[in-house]
PDB file of N, CA and C in Angstrom:
ATOM      1  N   MET A   1     -30.467  27.578  63.280  1.00  0.00           N
ATOM      2  CA  MET A   1     -30.543  26.543  62.268  1.00  0.00           C
ATOM      3  C   MET A   1     -31.512  26.969  61.177  1.00  0.00           C
ATOM      4  N   ALA A   2     -31.183  26.505  59.986  1.00  0.00           N
ATOM      5  CA  ALA A   2     -32.050  26.819  58.858  1.00  0.00           C
ATOM      6  C   ALA A   2     -33.231  25.865  58.853  1.00  0.00           C
ATOM      7  N   GLN A   3     -34.347  26.433  58.584  1.00  0.00           N
ATOM      8  CA  GLN A   3     -35.542  25.603  58.512  1.00  0.00           C
ATOM      9  C   GLN A   3     -35.948  25.421  57.062  1.00  0.00           C
ATOM     10  N   LYS A   4     -36.427  24.225  56.755  1.00  0.00           N
ATOM     11  CA  LYS A   4     -36.927  23.946  55.409  1.00  0.00           C
ATOM     12  C   LYS A   4     -38.305  24.558  55.261  1.00  0.00           C
ATOM     13  N   LYS A   5     -38.472  25.201  54.106  1.00  0.00           N
ATOM     14  CA  LYS A   5     -39.804  25.700  53.816  1.00  0.00           C
ATOM     15  C   LYS A   5     -40.532  24.612  53.059  1.00  0.00           C
ATOM     16  N   SER A   6     -41.650  24.258  53.522  1.00  0.00           N
ATOM     17  CA  SER A   6     -42.409  23.211  52.846  1.00  0.00           C
ATOM     18  C   SER A   6     -43.778  23.764  52.468  1.00  0.00           C
ATOM     19  N   LYS A   7     -44.198  23.368  51.297  1.00  0.00           N
ATOM     20  CA  LYS A   7     -45.523  23.775  50.835  1.00  0.00           C
ATOM     21  C   LYS A   7     -46.558  22.932  51.569  1.00  0.00           C
ATOM     22  N   PRO A   8     -47.630  23.525  51.876  1.00  0.00           N
ATOM     23  CA  PRO A   8     -48.694  22.673  52.412  1.00  0.00           C
ATOM     24  C   PRO A   8     -49.265  21.830  51.275  1.00  0.00           C
ATOM     25  N   ARG A   9     -49.342  20.558  51.493  1.00  0.00           N
ATOM     26  CA  ARG A   9     -49.823  19.644  50.437  1.00  0.00           C
ATOM     27  C   ARG A   9     -51.332  19.750  50.287  1.00  0.00           C
ATOM     28  N   GLU A  10     -51.742  19.742  49.023  1.00  0.00           N
ATOM     29  CA  GLU A  10     -53.182  19.712  48.783  1.00  0.00           C
ATOM     30  C   GLU A  10     -53.659  18.284  48.887  1.00  0.00           C
ATOM     31  N   ARG A  11     -54.838  18.144  49.327  1.00  0.00           N
ATOM     32  CA  ARG A  11     -55.397  16.799  49.416  1.00  0.00           C
ATOM     33  C   ARG A  11     -55.790  16.341  48.022  1.00  0.00           C
ATOM     34  N   GLN A  12     -55.464  15.109  47.722  1.00  0.00           N
ATOM     35  CA  GLN A  12     -55.677  14.572  46.381  1.00  0.00           C
ATOM     36  C   GLN A  12     -56.992  13.806  46.262  1.00  0.00           C
ATOM     37  N   ILE A  13     -57.870  13.960  47.170  1.00  0.00           N
ATOM     38  CA  ILE A  13     -59.123  13.215  47.121  1.00  0.00           C
ATOM     39  C   ILE A  13     -59.968  13.757  45.977  1.00  0.00           C
ATOM     40  N   GLY A  14     -60.304  12.883  45.057  1.00  0.00           N
ATOM     41  CA  GLY A  14     -61.159  13.251  43.941  1.00  0.00           C
ATOM     42  C   GLY A  14     -60.442  13.998  42.833  1.00  0.00           C
ATOM     43  N   LYS A  15     -59.157  14.257  42.944  1.00  0.00           N
ATOM     44  CA  LYS A  15     -58.417  14.988  41.927  1.00  0.00           C
ATOM     45  C   LYS A  15     -57.491  14.097  41.123  1.00  0.00           C
ATOM     46  N   LYS A  16     -57.503  12.839  41.377  1.00  0.00           N
ATOM     47  CA  LYS A  16     -56.603  11.926  40.673  1.00  0.00           C
ATOM     48  C   LYS A  16     -57.134  11.679  39.261  1.00  0.00           C
ATOM     49  N   GLN A  17     -56.260  11.855  38.273  1.00  0.00           N
ATOM     50  CA  GLN A  17     -56.643  11.617  36.884  1.00  0.00           C
ATOM     51  C   GLN A  17     -56.714  10.116  36.643  1.00  0.00           C
ATOM     52  N   PRO A  18     -57.748   9.665  35.972  1.00  0.00           N
ATOM     53  CA  PRO A  18     -57.803   8.219  35.669  1.00  0.00           C
ATOM     54  C   PRO A  18     -56.711   7.862  34.661  1.00  0.00           C
ATOM     55  N   GLU A  19     -56.096   6.708  34.854  1.00  0.00           N
ATOM     56  CA  GLU A  19     -55.032   6.276  33.944  1.00  0.00           C
ATOM     57  C   GLU A  19     -55.614   5.996  32.571  1.00  0.00           C
ATOM     58  N   LYS A  20     -54.869   6.433  31.563  1.00  0.00           N
ATOM     59  CA  LYS A  20     -55.303   6.257  30.190  1.00  0.00           C
ATOM     60  C   LYS A  20     -55.044   4.808  29.774  1.00  0.00           C
ATOM     61  N   LYS A  21     -56.045   4.156  29.243  1.00  0.00           N
ATOM     62  CA  LYS A  21     -55.888   2.780  28.762  1.00  0.00           C
ATOM     63  C   LYS A  21     -55.300   2.828  27.357  1.00  0.00           C
ATOM     64  N   HIS A  22     -54.206   2.131  27.145  1.00  0.00           N
ATOM     65  CA  HIS A  22     -53.568   2.082  25.841  1.00  0.00           C
ATOM     66  C   HIS A  22     -54.161   0.932  25.043  1.00  0.00           C
ATOM     67  N   LEU A  23     -54.297   1.149  23.746  1.00  0.00           N
ATOM     68  CA  LEU A  23     -54.771   0.093  22.870  1.00  0.00           C
ATOM     69  C   LEU A  23     -53.730  -1.023  22.796  1.00  0.00           C
ATOM     70  N   ILE A  24     -52.463  -0.611  22.697  1.00  0.00           N
ATOM     71  CA  ILE A  24     -51.352  -1.561  22.682  1.00  0.00           C
ATOM     72  C   ILE A  24     -50.508  -1.265  23.909  1.00  0.00           C
ATOM     73  N   ASN A  25     -50.122  -2.290  24.603  1.00  0.00           N
ATOM     74  CA  ASN A  25     -49.271  -2.117  25.768  1.00  0.00           C
ATOM     75  C   ASN A  25     -47.978  -1.421  25.333  1.00  0.00           C
ATOM     76  N   PRO A  26     -47.602  -0.314  25.970  1.00  0.00           N
ATOM     77  CA  PRO A  26     -46.387   0.414  25.545  1.00  0.00           C
ATOM     78  C   PRO A  26     -45.134  -0.461  25.551  1.00  0.00           C
ATOM     79  N   LYS A  27     -45.139  -1.493  26.343  1.00  0.00           N
ATOM     80  CA  LYS A  27     -43.983  -2.398  26.394  1.00  0.00           C
ATOM     81  C   LYS A  27     -43.807  -3.124  25.057  1.00  0.00           C
ATOM     82  N   TYR A  28     -44.900  -3.376  24.347  1.00  0.00           N
ATOM     83  CA  TYR A  28     -44.858  -4.141  23.098  1.00  0.00           C
ATOM     84  C   TYR A  28     -45.141  -3.286  21.869  1.00  0.00           C
ATOM     85  N   LYS A  29     -45.152  -1.962  22.015  1.00  0.00           N
ATOM     86  CA  LYS A  29     -45.512  -1.078  20.904  1.00  0.00           C
ATOM     87  C   LYS A  29     -44.498  -1.170  19.763  1.00  0.00           C
ATOM     88  N   ASN A  30     -43.212  -1.153  20.053  1.00  0.00           N
ATOM     89  CA  ASN A  30     -42.198  -1.234  18.998  1.00  0.00           C
ATOM     90  C   ASN A  30     -42.250  -2.578  18.285  1.00  0.00           C
ATOM     91  N   THR A  31     -42.461  -3.638  19.024  1.00  0.00           N
ATOM     92  CA  THR A  31     -42.565  -4.966  18.415  1.00  0.00           C
ATOM     93  C   THR A  31     -43.773  -5.030  17.479  1.00  0.00           C
ATOM     94  N   PHE A  32     -44.877  -4.461  17.912  1.00  0.00           N
ATOM     95  CA  PHE A  32     -46.093  -4.459  17.094  1.00  0.00           C
ATOM     96  C   PHE A  32     -45.855  -3.743  15.766  1.00  0.00           C
ATOM     97  N   TRP A  33     -45.262  -2.540  15.806  1.00  0.00           N
ATOM     98  CA  TRP A  33     -45.060  -1.781  14.576  1.00  0.00           C
ATOM     99  C   TRP A  33     -44.013  -2.432  13.677  1.00  0.00           C
ATOM    100  N   THR A  34     -43.033  -3.084  14.271  1.00  0.00           N
ATOM    101  CA  THR A  34     -42.046  -3.805  13.467  1.00  0.00           C
ATOM    102  C   THR A  34     -42.710  -4.933  12.697  1.00  0.00           C
ATOM    103  N   ILE A  35     -43.579  -5.672  13.364  1.00  0.00           N
ATOM    104  CA  ILE A  35     -44.284  -6.779  12.711  1.00  0.00           C
ATOM    105  C   ILE A  35     -45.221  -6.259  11.623  1.00  0.00           C
ATOM    106  N   VAL A  36     -45.888  -5.146  11.881  1.00  0.00           N
ATOM    107  CA  VAL A  36     -46.796  -4.569  10.875  1.00  0.00           C
ATOM    108  C   VAL A  36     -46.014  -4.170   9.621  1.00  0.00           C
ATOM    109  N   VAL A  37     -44.878  -3.516   9.799  1.00  0.00           N
ATOM    110  CA  VAL A  37     -44.071  -3.092   8.647  1.00  0.00           C
ATOM    111  C   VAL A  37     -43.550  -4.309   7.880  1.00  0.00           C
ATOM    112  N   LEU A  38     -43.084  -5.323   8.589  1.00  0.00           N
ATOM    113  CA  LEU A  38     -42.584  -6.531   7.922  1.00  0.00           C
ATOM    114  C   LEU A  38     -43.692  -7.248   7.153  1.00  0.00           C
ATOM    115  N   LEU A  39     -44.898  -7.279   7.705  1.00  0.00           N
ATOM    116  CA  LEU A  39     -46.022  -7.901   6.991  1.00  0.00           C
ATOM    117  C   LEU A  39     -46.371  -7.131   5.719  1.00  0.00           C
ATOM    118  N   ILE A  40     -46.349  -5.807   5.795  1.00  0.00           N
ATOM    119  CA  ILE A  40     -46.641  -5.004   4.602  1.00  0.00           C
ATOM    120  C   ILE A  40     -45.576  -5.244   3.535  1.00  0.00           C
ATOM    121  N   LEU A  41     -44.306  -5.275   3.943  1.00  0.00           N
ATOM    122  CA  LEU A  41     -43.240  -5.553   2.978  1.00  0.00           C
ATOM    123  C   LEU A  41     -43.373  -6.948   2.382  1.00  0.00           C
ATOM    124  N   LEU A  42     -43.755  -7.919   3.185  1.00  0.00           N
ATOM    125  CA  LEU A  42     -43.957  -9.282   2.686  1.00  0.00           C
ATOM    126  C   LEU A  42     -45.096  -9.326   1.670  1.00  0.00           C
ATOM    127  N   ILE A  43     -46.169  -8.607   1.932  1.00  0.00           N
ATOM    128  CA  ILE A  43     -47.303  -8.569   0.999  1.00  0.00           C
ATOM    129  C   ILE A  43     -46.868  -7.950  -0.331  1.00  0.00           C
ATOM    130  N   PHE A  44     -46.129  -6.827  -0.273  1.00  0.00           N
ATOM    131  CA  PHE A  44     -45.648  -6.212  -1.518  1.00  0.00           C
ATOM    132  C   PHE A  44     -44.692  -7.137  -2.257  1.00  0.00           C
ATOM    133  N   PHE A  45     -43.847  -7.843  -1.532  1.00  0.00           N
ATOM    134  CA  PHE A  45     -42.908  -8.778  -2.161  1.00  0.00           C
ATOM    135  C   PHE A  45     -43.659  -9.895  -2.882  1.00  0.00           C
ATOM    136  N   ILE A  46     -44.682 -10.450  -2.241  1.00  0.00           N
ATOM    137  CA  ILE A  46     -45.462 -11.537  -2.850  1.00  0.00           C
ATOM    138  C   ILE A  46     -46.213 -11.025  -4.071  1.00  0.00           C
ATOM    139  N   ILE A  47     -46.832  -9.850  -3.966  1.00  0.00           N
ATOM    140  CA  ILE A  47     -47.579  -9.300  -5.098  1.00  0.00           C
ATOM    141  C   ILE A  47     -46.639  -9.027  -6.272  1.00  0.00           C
ATOM    142  N   ASN A  48     -45.468  -8.486  -5.984  1.00  0.00           N
ATOM    143  CA  ASN A  48     -44.521  -8.151  -7.042  1.00  0.00           C
ATOM    144  C   ASN A  48     -44.020  -9.398  -7.761  1.00  0.00           C
ATOM    145  N   ASN A  49     -43.848 -10.487  -7.064  1.00  0.00           N
ATOM    146  CA  ASN A  49     -43.253 -11.677  -7.665  1.00  0.00           C
ATOM    147  C   ASN A  49     -44.270 -12.690  -8.179  1.00  0.00           C
ATOM    148  N   THR A  50     -45.547 -12.456  -7.999  1.00  0.00           N
ATOM    149  CA  THR A  50     -46.546 -13.392  -8.514  1.00  0.00           C
ATOM    150  C   THR A  50     -47.260 -12.867  -9.751  1.00  0.00           C
ATOM    151  N   ARG A  51     -47.008 -11.644 -10.128  1.00  0.00           N
ATOM    152  CA  ARG A  51     -47.618 -11.114 -11.342  1.00  0.00           C
ATOM    153  C   ARG A  51     -46.974 -11.754 -12.557  1.00  0.00           C
ATOM    154  N   SER A  52     -47.759 -11.890 -13.599  1.00  0.00           N
ATOM    155  CA  SER A  52     -47.198 -12.447 -14.828  1.00  0.00           C
ATOM    156  C   SER A  52     -46.532 -11.313 -15.615  1.00  0.00           C
ATOM    157  N   VAL A  53     -45.432 -11.632 -16.230  1.00  0.00           N
ATOM    158  CA  VAL A  53     -44.692 -10.648 -17.019  1.00  0.00           C
ATOM    159  C   VAL A  53     -45.385 -10.532 -18.369  1.00  0.00           C
ATOM    160  N   PRO A  54     -45.670  -9.315 -18.824  1.00  0.00           N
ATOM    161  CA  PRO A  54     -46.344  -9.186 -20.118  1.00  0.00           C
ATOM    162  C   PRO A  54     -45.448  -9.715 -21.241  1.00  0.00           C
ATOM    163  N   ALA A  55     -46.107 -10.290 -22.220  1.00  0.00           N
ATOM    164  CA  ALA A  55     -45.359 -10.855 -23.352  1.00  0.00           C
ATOM    165  C   ALA A  55     -44.638  -9.733 -24.089  1.00  0.00           C
ATOM    166  N   GLN A  56     -43.462 -10.065 -24.609  1.00  0.00           N
ATOM    167  CA  GLN A  56     -42.668  -9.080 -25.320  1.00  0.00           C
ATOM    168  C   GLN A  56     -43.335  -8.788 -26.665  1.00  0.00           C
ATOM    169  N   GLY A  57     -43.470  -7.528 -26.986  1.00  0.00           N
ATOM    170  CA  GLY A  57     -44.131  -7.131 -28.218  1.00  0.00           C
ATOM    171  C   GLY A  57     -43.216  -7.236 -29.418  1.00  0.00           C
ATOM    172  N   PRO A  58     -43.766  -7.040 -30.589  1.00  0.00           N
ATOM    173  CA  PRO A  58     -42.950  -7.109 -31.803  1.00  0.00           C
ATOM    174  C   PRO A  58     -42.025  -5.894 -31.910  1.00  0.00           C
ATOM    175  N   TYR A  59     -40.969  -6.044 -32.682  1.00  0.00           N
ATOM    176  CA  TYR A  59     -40.046  -4.947 -32.926  1.00  0.00           C
ATOM    177  C   TYR A  59     -40.727  -3.901 -33.805  1.00  0.00           C
ATOM    178  N   PRO A  60     -40.229  -2.683 -33.798  1.00  0.00           N
ATOM    179  CA  PRO A  60     -40.783  -1.664 -34.689  1.00  0.00           C
ATOM    180  C   PRO A  60     -40.571  -2.062 -36.145  1.00  0.00           C
ATOM    181  N   PRO A  61     -41.404  -1.573 -37.058  1.00  0.00           N
ATOM    182  CA  PRO A  61     -41.305  -1.987 -38.463  1.00  0.00           C
ATOM    183  C   PRO A  61     -39.966  -1.631 -39.117  1.00  0.00           C
ATOM    184  N   SER A  62     -39.295  -0.584 -38.664  1.00  0.00           N
ATOM    185  CA  SER A  62     -38.050  -0.187 -39.311  1.00  0.00           C
ATOM    186  C   SER A  62     -36.822  -0.820 -38.651  1.00  0.00           C
ATOM    187  N   TYR A  63     -36.999  -1.739 -37.716  1.00  0.00           N
ATOM    188  CA  TYR A  63     -35.876  -2.342 -36.999  1.00  0.00           C
ATOM    189  C   TYR A  63     -35.246  -3.457 -37.821  1.00  0.00           C
ATOM    190  N   ASN A  64     -33.931  -3.404 -37.971  1.00  0.00           N
ATOM    191  CA  ASN A  64     -33.207  -4.435 -38.686  1.00  0.00           C
ATOM    192  C   ASN A  64     -32.103  -4.938 -37.742  1.00  0.00           C
ATOM    193  N   PRO A  65     -32.177  -6.191 -37.280  1.00  0.00           N
ATOM    194  CA  PRO A  65     -31.191  -6.666 -36.301  1.00  0.00           C
ATOM    195  C   PRO A  65     -29.763  -6.710 -36.836  1.00  0.00           C
ATOM    196  N   GLU A  66     -29.567  -6.840 -38.156  1.00  0.00           N
ATOM    197  CA  GLU A  66     -28.213  -6.881 -38.705  1.00  0.00           C
ATOM    198  C   GLU A  66     -27.526  -5.521 -38.623  1.00  0.00           C
ATOM    199  N   THR A  67     -28.308  -4.454 -38.761  1.00  0.00           N
ATOM    200  CA  THR A  67     -27.711  -3.117 -38.749  1.00  0.00           C
ATOM    201  C   THR A  67     -27.790  -2.463 -37.371  1.00  0.00           C
ATOM    202  N   ALA A  68     -28.422  -3.110 -36.415  1.00  0.00           N
ATOM    203  CA  ALA A  68     -28.560  -2.528 -35.083  1.00  0.00           C
ATOM    204  C   ALA A  68     -27.201  -2.496 -34.392  1.00  0.00           C
ATOM    205  N   LYS A  69     -26.957  -1.442 -33.667  1.00  0.00           N
ATOM    206  CA  LYS A  69     -25.675  -1.289 -32.994  1.00  0.00           C
ATOM    207  C   LYS A  69     -25.618  -2.264 -31.815  1.00  0.00           C
ATOM    208  N   GLN A  70     -24.572  -3.037 -31.771  1.00  0.00           N
ATOM    209  CA  GLN A  70     -24.384  -3.999 -30.678  1.00  0.00           C
ATOM    210  C   GLN A  70     -23.667  -3.307 -29.524  1.00  0.00           C
ATOM    211  N   PRO A  71     -23.937  -3.727 -28.306  1.00  0.00           N
ATOM    212  CA  PRO A  71     -23.252  -3.098 -27.174  1.00  0.00           C
ATOM    213  C   PRO A  71     -21.764  -3.425 -27.188  1.00  0.00           C
ATOM    214  N   ASP A  72     -20.963  -2.465 -26.740  1.00  0.00           N
ATOM    215  CA  ASP A  72     -19.517  -2.679 -26.664  1.00  0.00           C
ATOM    216  C   ASP A  72     -19.207  -3.571 -25.466  1.00  0.00           C
ATOM    217  N   THR A  73     -18.438  -4.616 -25.720  1.00  0.00           N
ATOM    218  CA  THR A  73     -18.050  -5.497 -24.619  1.00  0.00           C
ATOM    219  C   THR A  73     -16.608  -5.252 -24.217  1.00  0.00           C
ATOM    220  N   ALA A  74     -15.899  -4.486 -25.011  1.00  0.00           N
ATOM    221  CA  ALA A  74     -14.500  -4.206 -24.702  1.00  0.00           C
ATOM    222  C   ALA A  74     -14.429  -3.191 -23.573  1.00  0.00           C
ATOM    223  N   ILE A  75     -13.565  -3.474 -22.628  1.00  0.00           N
ATOM    224  CA  ILE A  75     -13.366  -2.583 -21.493  1.00  0.00           C
ATOM    225  C   ILE A  75     -12.033  -1.892 -21.678  1.00  0.00           C
ATOM    226  N   ASP A  76     -12.009  -0.641 -21.366  1.00  0.00           N
ATOM    227  CA  ASP A  76     -10.778   0.129 -21.461  1.00  0.00           C
ATOM    228  C   ASP A  76      -9.688  -0.572 -20.643  1.00  0.00           C
ATOM    229  N   PRO A  77      -8.510  -0.769 -21.195  1.00  0.00           N
ATOM    230  CA  PRO A  77      -7.446  -1.499 -20.471  1.00  0.00           C
ATOM    231  C   PRO A  77      -7.058  -0.844 -19.151  1.00  0.00           C
ATOM    232  N   ARG A  78      -7.238   0.451 -19.039  1.00  0.00           N
ATOM    233  CA  ARG A  78      -6.912   1.113 -17.778  1.00  0.00           C
ATOM    234  C   ARG A  78      -7.871   0.720 -16.664  1.00  0.00           C
ATOM    235  N   LEU A  79      -9.069   0.272 -17.041  1.00  0.00           N
ATOM    236  CA  LEU A  79     -10.066  -0.100 -16.045  1.00  0.00           C
ATOM    237  C   LEU A  79     -10.065  -1.593 -15.739  1.00  0.00           C
ATOM    238  N   GLN A  80      -9.360  -2.376 -16.530  1.00  0.00           N
ATOM    239  CA  GLN A  80      -9.352  -3.822 -16.322  1.00  0.00           C
ATOM    240  C   GLN A  80      -8.484  -4.179 -15.122  1.00  0.00           C
ATOM    241  N   MET A  81      -8.896  -5.238 -14.432  1.00  0.00           N
ATOM    242  CA  MET A  81      -8.132  -5.745 -13.297  1.00  0.00           C
ATOM    243  C   MET A  81      -7.402  -7.005 -13.716  1.00  0.00           C
ATOM    244  N   ASP A  82      -6.240  -7.188 -13.181  1.00  0.00           N
ATOM    245  CA  ASP A  82      -5.490  -8.399 -13.456  1.00  0.00           C
ATOM    246  C   ASP A  82      -6.067  -9.511 -12.588  1.00  0.00           C
ATOM    247  N   THR A  83      -6.759 -10.449 -13.227  1.00  0.00           N
ATOM    248  CA  THR A  83      -7.398 -11.537 -12.470  1.00  0.00           C
ATOM    249  C   THR A  83      -6.627 -12.818 -12.538  1.00  0.00           C
ATOM    250  N   HIS A  84      -5.497 -12.826 -13.231  1.00  0.00           N
ATOM    251  CA  HIS A  84      -4.692 -14.038 -13.313  1.00  0.00           C
ATOM    252  C   HIS A  84      -3.857 -14.166 -12.056  1.00  0.00           C
ATOM    253  N   THR A  85      -3.954 -15.332 -11.430  1.00  0.00           N
ATOM    254  CA  THR A  85      -3.162 -15.544 -10.213  1.00  0.00           C
ATOM    255  C   THR A  85      -1.902 -16.306 -10.582  1.00  0.00           C
ATOM    256  N   LYS A  86      -0.855 -15.978  -9.920  1.00  0.00           N
ATOM    257  CA  LYS A  86       0.427 -16.643 -10.168  1.00  0.00           C
ATOM    258  C   LYS A  86       0.733 -17.547  -8.986  1.00  0.00           C
ATOM    259  N   ASN A  87       1.113 -18.755  -9.293  1.00  0.00           N
ATOM    260  CA  ASN A  87       1.489 -19.692  -8.242  1.00  0.00           C
ATOM    261  C   ASN A  87       2.993 -19.576  -8.015  1.00  0.00           C
ATOM    262  N   ASN A  88       3.356 -19.139  -6.870  1.00  0.00           N
ATOM    263  CA  ASN A  88       4.775 -19.011  -6.524  1.00  0.00           C
ATOM    264  C   ASN A  88       5.174 -20.206  -5.674  1.00  0.00           C
ATOM    265  N   LYS A  89       5.690 -21.235  -6.341  1.00  0.00           N
ATOM    266  CA  LYS A  89       6.089 -22.433  -5.595  1.00  0.00           C
ATOM    267  C   LYS A  89       7.565 -22.592  -5.629  1.00  0.00           C
TER     268      LYS A  89
END
């Protein structure tokens, strides 16, 4: 019969490493970081939306609104969608 070879076990008296204490329980680590990120985003959102918008300055001295080019509102017919619905009754 084949015999199992077994290592002689060393005695662990005094050789046990002390368990490392975690600052945050590993079970709740992901939840903690999620909350931290959401709080930072909330702070940036509040700061961004509570600032006052600077007053609009005057136009340049050579600006004439009558001669200024107006934006084109016409859309190329090839790009337009047919939005009219037909009632088939």
